[in-house]
Amino acid sequence: MHRGYKVITAHDGTAALKAVAETKPDVVVVDPGLPNLDGTEVIAGVSARSC
């Protein structure tokens, strides 16, 4: 925990999408240079799942 927040990290875009699906976070911070799926693709995937 960091200042009362739970921080979850992912090593690539695929892992990031899996983490978002499993944890349903309130905020997602994405590195645009992620391997496998870049940050833009991760954002698109998160947006598609939240609708």
N, C-alpha and C. Protein backbone atom coordinates (compact mmCIF):
# COMPACT_ATOMS: atom_id res chain seq x y z
N MET A 1 0.84 -1.17 0.00
CA MET A 1 0.00 0.00 0.00
C MET A 1 0.89 1.24 0.00
N HIS A 2 0.51 2.19 -0.80
CA HIS A 2 1.21 3.47 -0.88
C HIS A 2 0.23 4.56 -0.47
N ARG A 3 0.45 5.15 0.70
CA ARG A 3 -0.41 6.22 1.20
C ARG A 3 -1.88 5.85 1.15
N GLY A 4 -2.18 4.61 1.46
CA GLY A 4 -3.57 4.17 1.49
C GLY A 4 -4.09 3.64 0.17
N TYR A 5 -3.27 3.65 -0.86
CA TYR A 5 -3.68 3.15 -2.17
C TYR A 5 -3.01 1.82 -2.45
N LYS A 6 -3.74 0.92 -3.07
CA LYS A 6 -3.16 -0.35 -3.49
C LYS A 6 -2.61 -0.16 -4.90
N VAL A 7 -1.34 -0.46 -5.10
CA VAL A 7 -0.70 -0.29 -6.41
C VAL A 7 -0.49 -1.68 -7.02
N ILE A 8 -0.95 -1.84 -8.26
CA ILE A 8 -0.78 -3.09 -8.99
C ILE A 8 0.00 -2.77 -10.25
N THR A 9 1.05 -3.53 -10.51
CA THR A 9 1.87 -3.28 -11.69
C THR A 9 1.74 -4.42 -12.68
N ALA A 10 2.07 -4.12 -13.93
CA ALA A 10 2.06 -5.12 -15.00
C ALA A 10 3.29 -4.91 -15.86
N HIS A 11 3.89 -5.98 -16.33
CA HIS A 11 5.13 -5.89 -17.09
C HIS A 11 4.91 -5.67 -18.59
N ASP A 12 3.68 -5.88 -19.07
CA ASP A 12 3.38 -5.63 -20.48
C ASP A 12 1.89 -5.33 -20.63
N GLY A 13 1.49 -5.00 -21.86
CA GLY A 13 0.11 -4.61 -22.10
C GLY A 13 -0.91 -5.70 -21.84
N THR A 14 -0.57 -6.93 -22.18
CA THR A 14 -1.48 -8.04 -21.95
C THR A 14 -1.70 -8.25 -20.46
N ALA A 15 -0.63 -8.18 -19.69
CA ALA A 15 -0.74 -8.32 -18.23
C ALA A 15 -1.53 -7.15 -17.63
N ALA A 16 -1.38 -5.97 -18.21
CA ALA A 16 -2.13 -4.80 -17.73
C ALA A 16 -3.63 -5.00 -17.93
N LEU A 17 -4.03 -5.48 -19.10
CA LEU A 17 -5.46 -5.72 -19.34
C LEU A 17 -6.00 -6.80 -18.40
N LYS A 18 -5.21 -7.82 -18.16
CA LYS A 18 -5.63 -8.88 -17.24
C LYS A 18 -5.79 -8.32 -15.83
N ALA A 19 -4.84 -7.49 -15.40
CA ALA A 19 -4.90 -6.91 -14.06
C ALA A 19 -6.13 -6.01 -13.91
N VAL A 20 -6.43 -5.24 -14.94
CA VAL A 20 -7.61 -4.36 -14.90
C VAL A 20 -8.88 -5.20 -14.80
N ALA A 21 -8.96 -6.26 -15.58
CA ALA A 21 -10.14 -7.12 -15.56
C ALA A 21 -10.34 -7.78 -14.19
N GLU A 22 -9.23 -8.17 -13.56
CA GLU A 22 -9.30 -8.87 -12.28
C GLU A 22 -9.53 -7.95 -11.08
N THR A 23 -9.02 -6.72 -11.15
CA THR A 23 -9.05 -5.86 -9.96
C THR A 23 -10.05 -4.70 -10.05
N LYS A 24 -10.52 -4.38 -11.23
CA LYS A 24 -11.48 -3.28 -11.43
C LYS A 24 -11.04 -2.00 -10.72
N PRO A 25 -9.87 -1.45 -11.10
CA PRO A 25 -9.34 -0.27 -10.40
C PRO A 25 -10.14 1.01 -10.71
N ASP A 26 -9.99 1.99 -9.83
CA ASP A 26 -10.61 3.29 -10.04
C ASP A 26 -9.78 4.16 -10.98
N VAL A 27 -8.46 3.95 -10.99
CA VAL A 27 -7.54 4.74 -11.81
C VAL A 27 -6.52 3.80 -12.44
N VAL A 28 -6.19 4.08 -13.71
CA VAL A 28 -5.17 3.31 -14.41
C VAL A 28 -4.15 4.28 -14.98
N VAL A 29 -2.88 4.06 -14.68
CA VAL A 29 -1.78 4.85 -15.23
C VAL A 29 -1.01 3.92 -16.16
N VAL A 30 -0.88 4.33 -17.42
CA VAL A 30 -0.31 3.44 -18.44
C VAL A 30 0.93 4.08 -19.07
N ASP A 31 1.96 3.27 -19.23
CA ASP A 31 3.17 3.67 -19.96
C ASP A 31 2.89 3.48 -21.45
N PRO A 32 3.03 4.51 -22.26
CA PRO A 32 2.76 4.36 -23.69
C PRO A 32 3.74 3.42 -24.39
N GLY A 33 4.86 3.11 -23.76
CA GLY A 33 5.87 2.25 -24.38
C GLY A 33 5.86 0.82 -23.88
N LEU A 34 4.71 0.33 -23.41
CA LEU A 34 4.65 -1.05 -22.92
C LEU A 34 4.94 -2.04 -24.04
N PRO A 35 5.61 -3.14 -23.71
CA PRO A 35 5.79 -4.18 -24.72
C PRO A 35 4.49 -4.97 -24.92
N ASN A 36 4.40 -5.68 -26.03
CA ASN A 36 3.28 -6.55 -26.37
C ASN A 36 2.09 -5.74 -26.88
N LEU A 37 1.42 -5.01 -26.03
CA LEU A 37 0.39 -4.05 -26.42
C LEU A 37 0.86 -2.71 -25.90
N ASP A 38 0.84 -1.67 -26.74
CA ASP A 38 1.30 -0.38 -26.24
C ASP A 38 0.22 0.29 -25.40
N GLY A 39 0.55 1.40 -24.79
CA GLY A 39 -0.37 2.09 -23.89
C GLY A 39 -1.69 2.47 -24.55
N THR A 40 -1.65 2.87 -25.81
CA THR A 40 -2.87 3.24 -26.52
C THR A 40 -3.80 2.04 -26.66
N GLU A 41 -3.22 0.88 -26.95
CA GLU A 41 -4.03 -0.33 -27.07
C GLU A 41 -4.61 -0.76 -25.72
N VAL A 42 -3.83 -0.57 -24.68
CA VAL A 42 -4.33 -0.89 -23.34
C VAL A 42 -5.51 0.02 -22.98
N ILE A 43 -5.37 1.30 -23.25
CA ILE A 43 -6.46 2.25 -22.96
C ILE A 43 -7.72 1.86 -23.75
N ALA A 44 -7.55 1.51 -25.02
CA ALA A 44 -8.69 1.09 -25.84
C ALA A 44 -9.34 -0.15 -25.25
N GLY A 45 -8.54 -1.10 -24.79
CA GLY A 45 -9.08 -2.31 -24.19
C GLY A 45 -9.81 -2.04 -22.89
N VAL A 46 -9.26 -1.16 -22.07
CA VAL A 46 -9.92 -0.78 -20.82
C VAL A 46 -11.23 -0.07 -21.12
N SER A 47 -11.23 0.83 -22.07
CA SER A 47 -12.44 1.57 -22.42
C SER A 47 -13.52 0.63 -22.95
N ALA A 48 -13.14 -0.32 -23.77
CA ALA A 48 -14.11 -1.27 -24.34
C ALA A 48 -14.75 -2.12 -23.25
N ARG A 49 -13.98 -2.47 -22.24
CA ARG A 49 -14.52 -3.32 -21.16
C ARG A 49 -15.39 -2.54 -20.19
N SER A 50 -15.22 -1.23 -20.12
CA SER A 50 -15.96 -0.44 -19.15
C SER A 50 -17.32 0.02 -19.66
N CYS A 51 -17.59 -0.19 -20.92
CA CYS A 51 -18.88 0.24 -21.49
C CYS A 51 -19.96 -0.80 -21.26
